[in-house]
Structures are given as C-alpha cells and as structure tokens.
Amino acid sequence: MPAYRVVLVSPMHEGNVGAVARSMANFGFHELYMVDPCDLGDEAYKRAKHAGHILDDSKVVDSFEDALEGCSLVVGTSGKVTEGEKHFIRIPERRGRSPRRSGTTRDASRCCSDPRTSG
C-alpha cells in the first residue's frame, strides 16, 4: 500500500486539525503536514481523541511546495461555492488525465486542503 500524506494549508481552528488527525487514524493514515497552521493546544488533542500521536508527529513546513516534495499524486479539495443559481459546493475539477496508478508502493500520495477563507 502506498504511503498517504494529508496536507493542511493555513488551518484556522485547532479543533478542526484535531478532527482531521482523528479521521486520519481511523483510516490508517499517519503523515500530517501543515503549512502556516494555527497553534495546536488542548482543543486539538480533545478532538483528536486516540490520534494525539498524529498531532505530535505532524510536520510544519514553510510552503505548499515543501509539503508536496516527493509527491507522485496530489488530490485536492476546496470549500469554494460556485456562482450561479444552484450554488454547488466542491465540484471536482480535473486537470488533464488522472493517472491510474501512483507509482511504486514507496511513493507517497497527498490529500490537500486549502484555507477556508479563500475557498
């Protein structure tokens, strides 16, 4: 199984970071990278429950590019609302062809989230 890394960009609320860590642990993911994170305190650990070790082992990097170093596949998400009468949220966008495989089992795939304030 390839290694998976979750990357959070400018998370604003420590409780949300804790909830992400908890979800990661539930699915067997262990690598959490953050770019420009909020301070993590008691609320993050309360929300993480059994996944405090993910918060302890998380990496803070200087840039999004640093978080993606060694990446073979990147999957991103956003909470941006679209314009128009239906206001769809989180419409997937494809850039080019999606690869069928991410490479060898040693390659790491990334799941990224952008800051809430910008989409």
Protein backbone atom coordinates (compact mmCIF):
# COMPACT_ATOMS: atom_id res chain seq x y z
CA MET A 1 0.00 0.00 0.00
CA PRO A 2 1.38 3.45 -0.85
CA ALA A 3 2.02 5.96 1.90
CA TYR A 4 -0.57 8.71 2.18
CA ARG A 5 0.05 12.21 3.49
CA VAL A 6 -2.57 14.77 4.43
CA VAL A 7 -1.56 18.40 3.90
CA LEU A 8 -3.45 21.25 5.55
CA VAL A 9 -2.79 24.77 4.31
CA SER A 10 -3.40 27.55 6.85
CA PRO A 11 -5.86 25.69 9.08
CA MET A 12 -7.58 28.31 11.22
CA HIS A 13 -9.11 26.27 14.07
CA GLU A 14 -7.16 23.82 16.21
CA GLY A 15 -10.24 21.68 16.81
CA ASN A 16 -10.54 21.08 13.07
CA VAL A 17 -6.90 19.95 12.93
CA GLY A 18 -7.63 17.51 15.75
CA ALA A 19 -10.67 16.19 13.89
CA VAL A 20 -8.55 15.68 10.78
CA ALA A 21 -5.99 13.73 12.85
CA ARG A 22 -8.77 11.56 14.27
CA SER A 23 -10.14 10.82 10.78
CA MET A 24 -6.64 10.02 9.56
CA ALA A 25 -6.11 7.50 12.35
CA ASN A 26 -9.47 5.88 11.59
CA PHE A 27 -8.31 5.22 8.02
CA GLY A 28 -4.73 4.23 8.86
CA PHE A 29 -3.07 7.44 7.66
CA HIS A 30 -0.22 8.80 9.76
CA GLU A 31 1.55 11.65 7.93
CA LEU A 32 0.14 15.10 8.62
CA TYR A 33 1.88 18.13 7.09
CA MET A 34 0.77 21.69 7.72
CA VAL A 35 1.66 24.99 6.08
CA ASP A 36 1.14 28.09 8.25
CA PRO A 37 -1.01 26.33 10.87
CA CYS A 38 -2.81 27.80 13.84
CA ASP A 39 -1.41 26.97 17.28
CA LEU A 40 -2.35 23.49 18.49
CA GLY A 41 -3.46 23.18 22.10
CA ASP A 42 -5.91 21.31 24.29
CA GLU A 43 -8.82 21.60 21.85
CA ALA A 44 -6.84 19.92 19.06
CA TYR A 45 -5.94 17.00 21.31
CA LYS A 46 -9.50 16.69 22.66
CA ARG A 47 -10.89 16.46 19.14
CA ALA A 48 -8.13 14.07 18.04
CA LYS A 49 -9.10 11.57 20.80
CA HIS A 50 -6.91 8.49 20.15
CA ALA A 51 -4.90 10.24 17.41
CA GLY A 52 -2.80 12.61 19.51
CA HIS A 53 0.29 10.84 18.17
CA ILE A 54 -0.53 12.17 14.70
CA LEU A 55 -0.53 15.71 16.04
CA ASP A 56 2.72 15.02 17.92
CA ASP A 57 4.39 13.68 14.77
CA SER A 58 2.97 16.30 12.38
CA LYS A 59 5.38 18.35 10.29
CA VAL A 60 5.15 22.11 9.79
CA VAL A 61 6.72 23.21 6.52
CA ASP A 62 7.37 26.63 5.00
CA SER A 63 5.46 26.21 1.75
CA PHE A 64 2.93 24.11 -0.09
CA GLU A 65 5.71 23.03 -2.44
CA ASP A 66 7.71 21.72 0.53
CA ALA A 67 4.69 19.70 1.65
CA LEU A 68 4.45 18.10 -1.79
CA GLU A 69 8.13 17.15 -2.03
CA GLY A 70 8.44 13.58 -3.29
CA CYS A 71 4.83 13.50 -4.38
CA SER A 72 3.67 11.14 -7.09
CA LEU A 73 -0.04 12.03 -6.99
CA VAL A 74 -1.87 15.03 -5.49
CA VAL A 75 -5.60 15.15 -4.74
CA GLY A 76 -7.03 18.46 -3.53
CA THR A 77 -10.26 19.72 -2.07
CA SER A 78 -11.84 23.09 -1.52
CA GLY A 79 -14.97 24.51 0.06
CA LYS A 80 -15.42 27.12 -2.65
CA VAL A 81 -19.01 27.90 -3.63
CA THR A 82 -19.66 28.26 -7.34
CA GLU A 83 -21.54 31.12 -8.97
CA GLY A 84 -24.98 30.57 -10.44
CA GLU A 85 -28.47 29.72 -9.32
CA LYS A 86 -27.68 26.29 -7.83
CA HIS A 87 -24.53 27.21 -5.83
CA PHE A 88 -22.82 23.84 -5.99
CA ILE A 89 -20.15 23.19 -3.40
CA ARG A 90 -16.98 21.15 -4.01
CA ILE A 91 -17.35 20.50 -7.69
CA PRO A 92 -14.45 18.25 -8.69
CA GLU A 93 -12.13 19.66 -11.33
CA ARG A 94 -9.86 17.60 -13.50
CA ARG A 95 -6.61 18.92 -14.83
CA GLY A 96 -5.53 16.64 -17.62
CA ARG A 97 -5.80 12.90 -17.37
CA SER A 98 -5.87 11.27 -13.94
CA PRO A 99 -3.20 8.61 -13.57
CA ARG A 100 -4.38 5.07 -12.87
CA ARG A 101 -1.51 4.30 -10.52
CA SER A 102 0.58 6.48 -8.27
CA GLY A 103 3.78 4.50 -8.85
CA THR A 104 5.58 2.19 -6.51
CA THR A 105 4.37 1.40 -3.03
CA ARG A 106 7.10 3.66 -1.67
CA ASP A 107 5.67 6.73 -3.39
CA ALA A 108 3.53 8.98 -1.24
CA SER A 109 0.19 10.37 -2.34
CA ARG A 110 -1.08 13.63 -0.91
CA CYS A 111 -4.53 14.87 0.00
CA CYS A 112 -4.56 18.65 0.35
CA SER A 113 -6.96 21.20 1.71
CA ASP A 114 -6.72 24.92 1.08
CA PRO A 115 -7.54 27.69 3.54
CA ARG A 116 -11.23 28.13 4.31
CA THR A 117 -11.12 31.87 3.75
CA SER A 118 -10.06 31.58 0.12
CA GLY A 119 -12.08 28.56 -0.94
